[in-house]
Amino acid sequence: MQVLLSSAVVNVRTRYGDSVACKAMLDSSSQRSIIMEPCWKKLGLKGRSTVHRIGGINNMAAEISLREVRLEFSIHFDWEIFKVGALIVTWITSNLPDFTVNLEAWSHVEGLKRADLSFQISSSVEILIGADLYADLIIGQSIKGGKGLILGLGGFFQVWCMRIQILEFRS
């Protein structure tokens, strides 16, 4: 099975008030938002000391975060500002998506305002938006492309985050 996780391009405010476009992954299962250390440094934001143990499946320690930062961002074409505290970590996940996306199968989502205009291109995830902000961003409407195939998940004020699930049947 292949799953395309929901992503968005967000404009994050730097220390000097400018904006930098960053790829974010939306994850309703993460209790906190996180940012990769290189992205935090690129933004030039001040962090504060903290100690958070980040756990994964079976409560395995994935990382210890020693700093956190306050992020302010907007969606790539809107001006509404969202604010969230984010733990600073060295790594979030591998590049996403991790498989080739065939855009020809996506005709049912043509013309939709998308949160990530290049969702089909594999790239680094710099920010993970967790459950601490997720519910404020998603509106709950969806578009399906057929059983087990493609759907768009509404969010960011009628902007669409693309998700895909392709089931592979083996005999």
Protein backbone atom coordinates (compact mmCIF):
# COMPACT_ATOMS: atom_id res chain seq x y z
CA MET A 1 0.00 0.00 0.00
CA GLN A 2 1.20 3.51 -0.78
CA VAL A 3 -0.08 6.52 1.13
CA LEU A 4 0.47 10.15 0.19
CA LEU A 5 0.43 12.09 3.44
CA SER A 6 -1.19 15.53 3.67
CA SER A 7 1.27 18.34 3.08
CA ALA A 8 1.14 22.11 2.72
CA VAL A 9 3.51 24.89 1.79
CA VAL A 10 3.46 27.46 4.56
CA ASN A 11 5.09 30.89 4.75
CA VAL A 12 6.85 31.06 8.10
CA ARG A 13 7.89 34.40 9.59
CA THR A 14 11.60 34.85 10.13
CA ARG A 15 13.27 36.69 12.97
CA TYR A 16 13.26 39.82 10.78
CA GLY A 17 9.58 39.63 9.76
CA ASP A 18 10.14 38.22 6.27
CA SER A 19 8.53 34.96 5.18
CA VAL A 20 10.20 31.74 4.07
CA ALA A 21 8.25 28.99 2.27
CA CYS A 22 8.54 25.65 4.08
CA LYS A 23 7.00 22.24 3.37
CA ALA A 24 4.85 21.07 6.26
CA MET A 25 3.21 17.71 6.89
CA LEU A 26 -0.14 17.63 8.70
CA ASP A 27 -0.33 14.88 11.32
CA SER A 28 -3.40 14.60 13.51
CA SER A 29 -1.74 11.80 15.52
CA SER A 30 1.21 13.85 16.76
CA GLN A 31 0.54 15.59 20.05
CA ARG A 32 2.97 18.43 19.30
CA SER A 33 4.20 20.32 16.27
CA ILE A 34 7.88 20.02 15.42
CA ILE A 35 10.42 21.78 13.20
CA MET A 36 13.73 20.52 11.85
CA GLU A 37 16.77 22.25 13.30
CA PRO A 38 18.14 23.41 9.89
CA CYS A 39 14.80 25.10 9.14
CA TRP A 40 14.76 26.76 12.57
CA LYS A 41 18.28 28.09 11.95
CA LYS A 42 17.29 29.30 8.47
CA LEU A 43 14.43 31.28 10.02
CA GLY A 44 16.77 32.82 12.60
CA LEU A 45 14.18 32.46 15.37
CA LYS A 46 15.10 32.40 19.03
CA GLY A 47 14.28 29.20 20.87
CA ARG A 48 13.86 28.51 24.53
CA SER A 49 15.33 25.69 26.55
CA THR A 50 13.13 22.72 27.28
CA VAL A 51 13.44 18.95 27.55
CA HIS A 52 10.90 16.79 25.73
CA ARG A 53 11.22 13.09 25.04
CA ILE A 54 9.61 12.30 21.71
CA GLY A 55 8.23 8.78 21.58
CA GLY A 56 7.01 6.63 18.75
CA ILE A 57 5.38 3.26 18.34
CA ASN A 58 5.54 1.09 21.44
CA ASN A 59 6.69 4.20 23.34
CA MET A 60 10.19 3.90 21.87
CA ALA A 61 12.27 7.06 22.33
CA ALA A 62 12.69 8.63 18.89
CA GLU A 63 14.51 11.79 19.96
CA ILE A 64 15.03 14.24 22.80
CA SER A 65 14.22 17.87 22.01
CA LEU A 66 16.15 20.42 24.06
CA ARG A 67 14.60 23.55 22.55
CA GLU A 68 11.27 24.83 21.35
CA VAL A 69 10.24 27.83 19.27
CA ARG A 70 7.09 29.83 18.55
CA LEU A 71 6.16 29.69 14.85
CA GLU A 72 3.93 32.10 12.98
CA PHE A 73 2.87 31.09 9.48
CA SER A 74 0.27 31.49 6.78
CA ILE A 75 -0.75 29.24 3.92
CA HIS A 76 1.19 30.01 0.74
CA PHE A 77 -1.49 32.30 -0.76
CA ASP A 78 -3.39 33.63 2.27
CA TRP A 79 -2.59 36.20 4.95
CA GLU A 80 -4.27 34.68 8.02
CA ILE A 81 -1.58 33.98 10.60
CA PHE A 82 -1.49 30.74 12.59
CA LYS A 83 0.67 30.45 15.70
CA VAL A 84 2.01 27.27 17.24
CA GLY A 85 4.80 26.16 19.55
CA ALA A 86 7.14 23.63 17.92
CA LEU A 87 9.80 21.36 19.34
CA ILE A 88 13.13 21.58 17.52
CA VAL A 89 14.43 18.21 16.28
CA THR A 90 17.21 17.01 14.00
CA TRP A 91 14.96 14.96 11.71
CA ILE A 92 11.24 14.48 11.01
CA THR A 93 10.90 11.96 8.18
CA SER A 94 12.31 10.94 4.82
CA ASN A 95 11.41 12.94 1.72
CA LEU A 96 7.75 12.75 0.79
CA PRO A 97 6.22 11.33 -1.24
CA ASP A 98 8.48 8.30 -1.36
CA PHE A 99 6.91 6.96 -4.58
CA THR A 100 6.04 8.32 -8.03
CA VAL A 101 2.63 10.00 -8.25
CA ASN A 102 0.83 9.69 -11.59
CA LEU A 103 -0.99 13.01 -12.04
CA GLU A 104 -3.06 11.65 -14.93
CA ALA A 105 -5.16 9.77 -12.35
CA TRP A 106 -6.01 13.06 -10.58
CA SER A 107 -8.46 14.64 -13.03
CA HIS A 108 -11.18 14.82 -10.34
CA VAL A 109 -9.11 17.34 -8.32
CA GLU A 110 -8.23 19.67 -11.21
CA GLY A 111 -8.96 23.31 -10.44
CA LEU A 112 -8.92 22.89 -6.66
CA LYS A 113 -6.89 25.37 -4.61
CA ARG A 114 -4.16 23.15 -3.16
CA ALA A 115 -2.18 23.64 0.03
CA ASP A 116 0.90 22.12 -1.66
CA LEU A 117 1.12 22.91 -5.36
CA SER A 118 3.91 20.38 -5.89
CA PHE A 119 2.59 17.59 -3.64
CA GLN A 120 3.62 14.98 -6.21
CA ILE A 121 7.33 15.97 -6.11
CA SER A 122 9.47 14.26 -3.47
CA SER A 123 10.99 16.84 -1.10
CA SER A 124 12.07 17.37 2.50
CA VAL A 125 9.46 17.94 5.22
CA GLU A 126 10.70 20.80 7.38
CA ILE A 127 7.74 21.22 9.75
CA LEU A 128 5.22 18.78 11.18
CA ILE A 129 1.92 20.36 12.22
CA GLY A 130 0.49 18.20 14.97
CA ALA A 131 -2.87 17.84 16.69
CA ASP A 132 -2.15 21.03 18.64
CA LEU A 133 -3.17 22.97 15.48
CA TYR A 134 -4.47 20.35 13.04
CA ALA A 135 -8.16 20.73 13.93
CA ASP A 136 -8.01 24.48 13.25
CA LEU A 137 -6.80 23.83 9.70
CA ILE A 138 -9.01 21.00 8.42
CA ILE A 139 -12.67 21.55 7.56
CA GLY A 140 -13.60 17.91 6.97
CA GLN A 141 -14.93 17.87 3.40
CA SER A 142 -13.44 15.32 0.99
CA ILE A 143 -13.40 14.28 -2.66
CA LYS A 144 -12.94 10.63 -3.56
CA GLY A 145 -11.59 9.28 -6.81
CA GLY A 146 -12.83 5.73 -6.51
CA LYS A 147 -12.53 2.89 -4.04
CA GLY A 148 -9.05 2.72 -2.53
CA LEU A 149 -7.64 5.42 -4.78
CA ILE A 150 -7.36 9.17 -4.36
CA LEU A 151 -8.97 11.77 -2.23
CA GLY A 152 -8.59 15.43 -1.47
CA LEU A 153 -9.09 16.47 2.14
CA GLY A 154 -10.49 19.96 2.62
CA GLY A 155 -8.58 22.32 4.80
CA PHE A 156 -7.04 25.76 5.11
CA PHE A 157 -10.29 27.57 4.26
CA GLN A 158 -11.37 25.45 1.32
CA VAL A 159 -7.81 24.69 0.26
CA TRP A 160 -7.17 21.05 -0.47
CA CYS A 161 -4.52 18.78 0.95
CA MET A 162 -4.01 15.84 -1.37
CA ARG A 163 -3.97 12.30 0.01
CA ILE A 164 -3.75 9.02 -1.80
CA GLN A 165 -4.02 5.42 -0.80
CA ILE A 166 -3.25 2.81 -3.40
CA LEU A 167 -3.95 -0.75 -2.40
CA GLU A 168 -1.72 -3.37 -3.91
CA PHE A 169 -3.21 -6.84 -4.11
CA ARG A 170 -0.80 -9.73 -4.33
CA SER A 171 -1.77 -13.31 -4.98
